Amino acid sequence: MVEQVYTELRRIAERYVRHEQAKSVQASDLVHEAYLRLAKERSPQWQNRTHFVALAAISMRRLLVERARARHAAKRGGANVQVTLDERLLVDDRAERGGVDLVALDRALTDLAEIDAQQARIVELRFFAGQSVEETAEALGISPATVKRHWTIAKAWLLRALDGDAAT
């Protein structure tokens, strides 16, 4: 069981590292750091394996954003870290143009969470954790149809938010 969870977390971390153009961390290090963060919590908040994997994926995303912000601050005005977004999130030519700023994506996702926390969680689980519609529905305790509906809306909202961020 532990090996299966670790393998799944490695797969998620490898996708994160593959999307991050700066390649600031190795997948195994990202998994270990995320686990340590989750282990420090006083009372674990996960309900099952799917929920734990989802929380670990979110923790990995936050770690990468923190690293990107630290590198940006260290460069004092240097370019933000760019990540590529695959067809599951945004279908446009961003990937060919060099990706999306990881910090801008995090900011947009945070803004989305203020408007609709469930949609933001769906993006985290579907895009960042790589979970299927069914796994996402199970982790959130909602129907697959609701996941699909909110996923479509969230993708459109993020695309618009990121386009607005690129214009500024």
C-alpha atoms as a PDB file:
ATOM      1  CA  MET A   1       0.000   0.000   0.000  1.00  0.00           C
ATOM      2  CA  VAL A   2       2.732   2.486   0.949  1.00  0.00           C
ATOM      3  CA  GLU A   3       4.675   1.617  -2.202  1.00  0.00           C
ATOM      4  CA  GLN A   4       1.596   2.255  -4.347  1.00  0.00           C
ATOM      5  CA  VAL A   5       1.024   5.663  -2.774  1.00  0.00           C
ATOM      6  CA  TYR A   6       4.703   6.574  -3.132  1.00  0.00           C
ATOM      7  CA  THR A   7       4.658   5.513  -6.790  1.00  0.00           C
ATOM      8  CA  GLU A   8       1.596   7.661  -7.425  1.00  0.00           C
ATOM      9  CA  LEU A   9       3.165  10.653  -5.660  1.00  0.00           C
ATOM     10  CA  ARG A  10       6.359  10.208  -7.712  1.00  0.00           C
ATOM     11  CA  ARG A  11       4.280  10.224 -10.904  1.00  0.00           C
ATOM     12  CA  ILE A  12       2.611  13.474  -9.840  1.00  0.00           C
ATOM     13  CA  ALA A  13       5.944  15.029  -8.836  1.00  0.00           C
ATOM     14  CA  GLU A  14       7.530  14.009 -12.140  1.00  0.00           C
ATOM     15  CA  ARG A  15       4.716  15.777 -13.991  1.00  0.00           C
ATOM     16  CA  TYR A  16       5.273  18.903 -11.885  1.00  0.00           C
ATOM     17  CA  VAL A  17       9.009  18.851 -12.566  1.00  0.00           C
ATOM     18  CA  ARG A  18       8.428  18.198 -16.268  1.00  0.00           C
ATOM     19  CA  HIS A  19       6.101  21.236 -16.483  1.00  0.00           C
ATOM     20  CA  GLU A  20       8.502  23.457 -14.562  1.00  0.00           C
ATOM     21  CA  GLN A  21      11.033  24.821 -16.998  1.00  0.00           C
ATOM     22  CA  ALA A  22      13.506  25.868 -14.287  1.00  0.00           C
ATOM     23  CA  LYS A  23      13.798  22.251 -13.039  1.00  0.00           C
ATOM     24  CA  SER A  24      14.581  23.533  -9.553  1.00  0.00           C
ATOM     25  CA  VAL A  25      13.977  20.234  -7.768  1.00  0.00           C
ATOM     26  CA  GLN A  26      14.001  16.493  -8.412  1.00  0.00           C
ATOM     27  CA  ALA A  27      10.742  14.553  -8.233  1.00  0.00           C
ATOM     28  CA  SER A  28      11.811  12.426  -5.269  1.00  0.00           C
ATOM     29  CA  ASP A  29      12.847  15.521  -3.294  1.00  0.00           C
ATOM     30  CA  LEU A  30       9.499  17.126  -4.033  1.00  0.00           C
ATOM     31  CA  VAL A  31       7.639  14.040  -2.761  1.00  0.00           C
ATOM     32  CA  HIS A  32       9.735  13.924   0.402  1.00  0.00           C
ATOM     33  CA  GLU A  33       9.302  17.626   1.166  1.00  0.00           C
ATOM     34  CA  ALA A  34       5.541  17.394   0.627  1.00  0.00           C
ATOM     35  CA  TYR A  35       5.317  14.360   2.887  1.00  0.00           C
ATOM     36  CA  LEU A  36       7.287  16.096   5.625  1.00  0.00           C
ATOM     37  CA  ARG A  37       4.895  19.038   5.468  1.00  0.00           C
ATOM     38  CA  LEU A  38       1.886  16.765   5.752  1.00  0.00           C
ATOM     39  CA  ALA A  39       3.483  14.767   8.578  1.00  0.00           C
ATOM     40  CA  LYS A  40       4.019  17.961  10.611  1.00  0.00           C
ATOM     41  CA  GLU A  41       0.272  18.541  10.841  1.00  0.00           C
ATOM     42  CA  ARG A  42      -0.979  17.885  14.340  1.00  0.00           C
ATOM     43  CA  SER A  43      -4.097  15.994  13.326  1.00  0.00           C
ATOM     44  CA  PRO A  44      -4.067  14.489   9.844  1.00  0.00           C
ATOM     45  CA  GLN A  45      -6.917  15.816   7.729  1.00  0.00           C
ATOM     46  CA  TRP A  46      -7.012  13.093   5.094  1.00  0.00           C
ATOM     47  CA  GLN A  47      -9.924  10.689   4.990  1.00  0.00           C
ATOM     48  CA  ASN A  48      -8.606   8.047   2.595  1.00  0.00           C
ATOM     49  CA  ARG A  49      -5.810   7.279   0.129  1.00  0.00           C
ATOM     50  CA  THR A  50      -7.274   9.434  -2.649  1.00  0.00           C
ATOM     51  CA  HIS A  51      -7.653  12.371  -0.289  1.00  0.00           C
ATOM     52  CA  PHE A  52      -4.074  11.975   0.993  1.00  0.00           C
ATOM     53  CA  VAL A  53      -2.689  11.932  -2.558  1.00  0.00           C
ATOM     54  CA  ALA A  54      -4.708  15.042  -3.368  1.00  0.00           C
ATOM     55  CA  LEU A  55      -3.359  16.893  -0.330  1.00  0.00           C
ATOM     56  CA  ALA A  56       0.189  15.809  -1.160  1.00  0.00           C
ATOM     57  CA  ALA A  57      -0.202  17.095  -4.730  1.00  0.00           C
ATOM     58  CA  ILE A  58      -1.410  20.441  -3.438  1.00  0.00           C
ATOM     59  CA  SER A  59       1.531  20.561  -1.053  1.00  0.00           C
ATOM     60  CA  MET A  60       3.928  19.868  -3.955  1.00  0.00           C
ATOM     61  CA  ARG A  61       2.380  22.697  -5.981  1.00  0.00           C
ATOM     62  CA  ARG A  62       2.792  25.089  -3.055  1.00  0.00           C
ATOM     63  CA  LEU A  63       6.423  24.042  -2.615  1.00  0.00           C
ATOM     64  CA  LEU A  64       7.154  24.774  -6.275  1.00  0.00           C
ATOM     65  CA  VAL A  65       5.442  28.162  -6.055  1.00  0.00           C
ATOM     66  CA  GLU A  66       7.486  29.023  -2.950  1.00  0.00           C
ATOM     67  CA  ARG A  67      10.685  28.036  -4.782  1.00  0.00           C
ATOM     68  CA  ALA A  68       9.681  30.121  -7.810  1.00  0.00           C
ATOM     69  CA  ARG A  69       8.987  33.141  -5.623  1.00  0.00           C
ATOM     70  CA  ALA A  70      12.298  32.702  -3.807  1.00  0.00           C
ATOM     71  CA  ARG A  71      14.224  32.498  -7.090  1.00  0.00           C
ATOM     72  CA  HIS A  72      12.410  35.562  -8.386  1.00  0.00           C
ATOM     73  CA  ALA A  73      13.200  37.496  -5.213  1.00  0.00           C
ATOM     74  CA  ALA A  74      16.827  36.358  -5.324  1.00  0.00           C
ATOM     75  CA  LYS A  75      17.177  37.667  -8.846  1.00  0.00           C
ATOM     76  CA  ARG A  76      15.651  41.017  -7.797  1.00  0.00           C
ATOM     77  CA  GLY A  77      13.377  41.467 -10.699  1.00  0.00           C
ATOM     78  CA  GLY A  78      14.455  38.449 -12.722  1.00  0.00           C
ATOM     79  CA  ALA A  79      11.971  36.604 -14.843  1.00  0.00           C
ATOM     80  CA  ASN A  80       9.322  34.508 -13.155  1.00  0.00           C
ATOM     81  CA  VAL A  81       9.421  30.751 -13.578  1.00  0.00           C
ATOM     82  CA  GLN A  82       7.471  29.532 -16.582  1.00  0.00           C
ATOM     83  CA  VAL A  83       5.544  26.261 -16.679  1.00  0.00           C
ATOM     84  CA  THR A  84       3.793  24.622 -19.580  1.00  0.00           C
ATOM     85  CA  LEU A  85       0.116  23.834 -19.372  1.00  0.00           C
ATOM     86  CA  ASP A  86      -1.047  20.804 -21.260  1.00  0.00           C
ATOM     87  CA  GLU A  87      -4.307  20.313 -23.090  1.00  0.00           C
ATOM     88  CA  ARG A  88      -6.118  19.174 -19.961  1.00  0.00           C
ATOM     89  CA  LEU A  89      -6.142  22.696 -18.575  1.00  0.00           C
ATOM     90  CA  LEU A  90      -5.825  25.278 -21.290  1.00  0.00           C
ATOM     91  CA  VAL A  91      -6.125  24.654 -24.982  1.00  0.00           C
ATOM     92  CA  ASP A  92      -4.310  27.463 -26.695  1.00  0.00           C
ATOM     93  CA  ASP A  93      -0.823  28.216 -27.910  1.00  0.00           C
ATOM     94  CA  ARG A  94       0.670  29.066 -24.486  1.00  0.00           C
ATOM     95  CA  ALA A  95       2.803  25.910 -24.383  1.00  0.00           C
ATOM     96  CA  GLU A  96       4.394  26.750 -27.705  1.00  0.00           C
ATOM     97  CA  ARG A  97       4.964  30.346 -26.578  1.00  0.00           C
ATOM     98  CA  GLY A  98       6.949  29.198 -23.565  1.00  0.00           C
ATOM     99  CA  GLY A  99       4.328  28.429 -20.944  1.00  0.00           C
ATOM    100  CA  VAL A 100       2.639  30.271 -18.160  1.00  0.00           C
ATOM    101  CA  ASP A 101       4.283  31.981 -15.214  1.00  0.00           C
ATOM    102  CA  LEU A 102       3.981  29.581 -12.240  1.00  0.00           C
ATOM    103  CA  VAL A 103       3.457  32.474  -9.826  1.00  0.00           C
ATOM    104  CA  ALA A 104       0.742  33.964 -12.078  1.00  0.00           C
ATOM    105  CA  LEU A 105      -0.956  30.567 -12.283  1.00  0.00           C
ATOM    106  CA  ASP A 106      -0.862  30.246  -8.494  1.00  0.00           C
ATOM    107  CA  ARG A 107      -2.252  33.778  -8.129  1.00  0.00           C
ATOM    108  CA  ALA A 108      -5.071  32.990 -10.584  1.00  0.00           C
ATOM    109  CA  LEU A 109      -5.868  29.769  -8.759  1.00  0.00           C
ATOM    110  CA  THR A 110      -5.936  31.630  -5.440  1.00  0.00           C
ATOM    111  CA  ASP A 111      -8.312  34.204  -6.958  1.00  0.00           C
ATOM    112  CA  LEU A 112     -10.514  31.398  -8.270  1.00  0.00           C
ATOM    113  CA  ALA A 113     -10.602  29.855  -4.780  1.00  0.00           C
ATOM    114  CA  GLU A 114     -11.975  33.126  -3.399  1.00  0.00           C
ATOM    115  CA  ILE A 115     -14.801  32.991  -5.947  1.00  0.00           C
ATOM    116  CA  ASP A 116     -15.406  29.240  -5.926  1.00  0.00           C
ATOM    117  CA  ALA A 117     -13.279  27.088  -3.638  1.00  0.00           C
ATOM    118  CA  GLN A 118     -14.629  23.860  -5.094  1.00  0.00           C
ATOM    119  CA  GLN A 119     -13.609  24.805  -8.630  1.00  0.00           C
ATOM    120  CA  ALA A 120     -10.111  25.647  -7.417  1.00  0.00           C
ATOM    121  CA  ARG A 121      -9.869  22.272  -5.651  1.00  0.00           C
ATOM    122  CA  ILE A 122     -11.007  20.532  -8.832  1.00  0.00           C
ATOM    123  CA  VAL A 123      -8.228  22.249 -10.805  1.00  0.00           C
ATOM    124  CA  GLU A 124      -5.689  21.246  -8.172  1.00  0.00           C
ATOM    125  CA  LEU A 125      -6.807  17.637  -8.250  1.00  0.00           C
ATOM    126  CA  ARG A 126      -7.357  17.278 -12.000  1.00  0.00           C
ATOM    127  CA  PHE A 127      -4.440  19.290 -13.363  1.00  0.00           C
ATOM    128  CA  PHE A 128      -1.849  19.238 -10.631  1.00  0.00           C
ATOM    129  CA  ALA A 129      -2.563  15.844  -9.053  1.00  0.00           C
ATOM    130  CA  GLY A 130      -3.514  14.249 -12.372  1.00  0.00           C
ATOM    131  CA  GLN A 131      -6.612  12.648 -10.905  1.00  0.00           C
ATOM    132  CA  SER A 132      -9.430  11.359 -13.067  1.00  0.00           C
ATOM    133  CA  VAL A 133     -12.929  12.782 -12.899  1.00  0.00           C
ATOM    134  CA  GLU A 134     -13.967   9.818 -10.754  1.00  0.00           C
ATOM    135  CA  GLU A 135     -11.001  10.169  -8.358  1.00  0.00           C
ATOM    136  CA  THR A 136     -11.670  13.887  -8.022  1.00  0.00           C
ATOM    137  CA  ALA A 137     -15.347  13.241  -7.325  1.00  0.00           C
ATOM    138  CA  GLU A 138     -14.413  10.700  -4.646  1.00  0.00           C
ATOM    139  CA  ALA A 139     -11.881  13.027  -2.999  1.00  0.00           C
ATOM    140  CA  LEU A 140     -14.370  15.894  -2.861  1.00  0.00           C
ATOM    141  CA  GLY A 141     -17.481  13.848  -2.129  1.00  0.00           C
ATOM    142  CA  ILE A 142     -19.360  15.113  -5.197  1.00  0.00           C
ATOM    143  CA  SER A 143     -20.694  13.541  -8.378  1.00  0.00           C
ATOM    144  CA  PRO A 144     -18.569  13.043 -11.500  1.00  0.00           C
ATOM    145  CA  ALA A 145     -21.060  15.210 -13.421  1.00  0.00           C
ATOM    146  CA  THR A 146     -20.435  18.082 -10.997  1.00  0.00           C
ATOM    147  CA  VAL A 147     -16.681  17.634 -11.410  1.00  0.00           C
ATOM    148  CA  LYS A 148     -17.001  17.795 -15.212  1.00  0.00           C
ATOM    149  CA  ARG A 149     -19.210  20.884 -15.087  1.00  0.00           C
ATOM    150  CA  HIS A 150     -16.977  22.781 -12.653  1.00  0.00           C
ATOM    151  CA  TRP A 151     -13.814  21.643 -14.483  1.00  0.00           C
ATOM    152  CA  THR A 152     -15.070  23.205 -17.721  1.00  0.00           C
ATOM    153  CA  ILE A 153     -15.989  26.475 -15.999  1.00  0.00           C
ATOM    154  CA  ALA A 154     -12.709  26.640 -14.046  1.00  0.00           C
ATOM    155  CA  LYS A 155     -10.592  26.095 -17.179  1.00  0.00           C
ATOM    156  CA  ALA A 156     -12.367  28.933 -18.952  1.00  0.00           C
ATOM    157  CA  TRP A 157     -12.026  31.212 -15.925  1.00  0.00           C
ATOM    158  CA  LEU A 158      -8.296  30.483 -15.560  1.00  0.00           C
ATOM    159  CA  LEU A 159      -7.656  31.051 -19.248  1.00  0.00           C
ATOM    160  CA  ARG A 160      -9.329  34.447 -19.030  1.00  0.00           C
ATOM    161  CA  ALA A 161      -7.485  35.328 -15.808  1.00  0.00           C
ATOM    162  CA  LEU A 162      -4.110  34.320 -17.260  1.00  0.00           C
ATOM    163  CA  ASP A 163      -4.765  36.220 -20.484  1.00  0.00           C
ATOM    164  CA  GLY A 164      -5.544  39.315 -18.394  1.00  0.00           C
ATOM    165  CA  ASP A 165      -2.346  38.782 -16.402  1.00  0.00           C
ATOM    166  CA  ALA A 166      -0.309  38.525 -19.613  1.00  0.00           C
ATOM    167  CA  ALA A 167      -1.779  41.803 -20.831  1.00  0.00           C
ATOM    168  CA  THR A 168      -0.553  43.697 -17.760  1.00  0.00           C
END
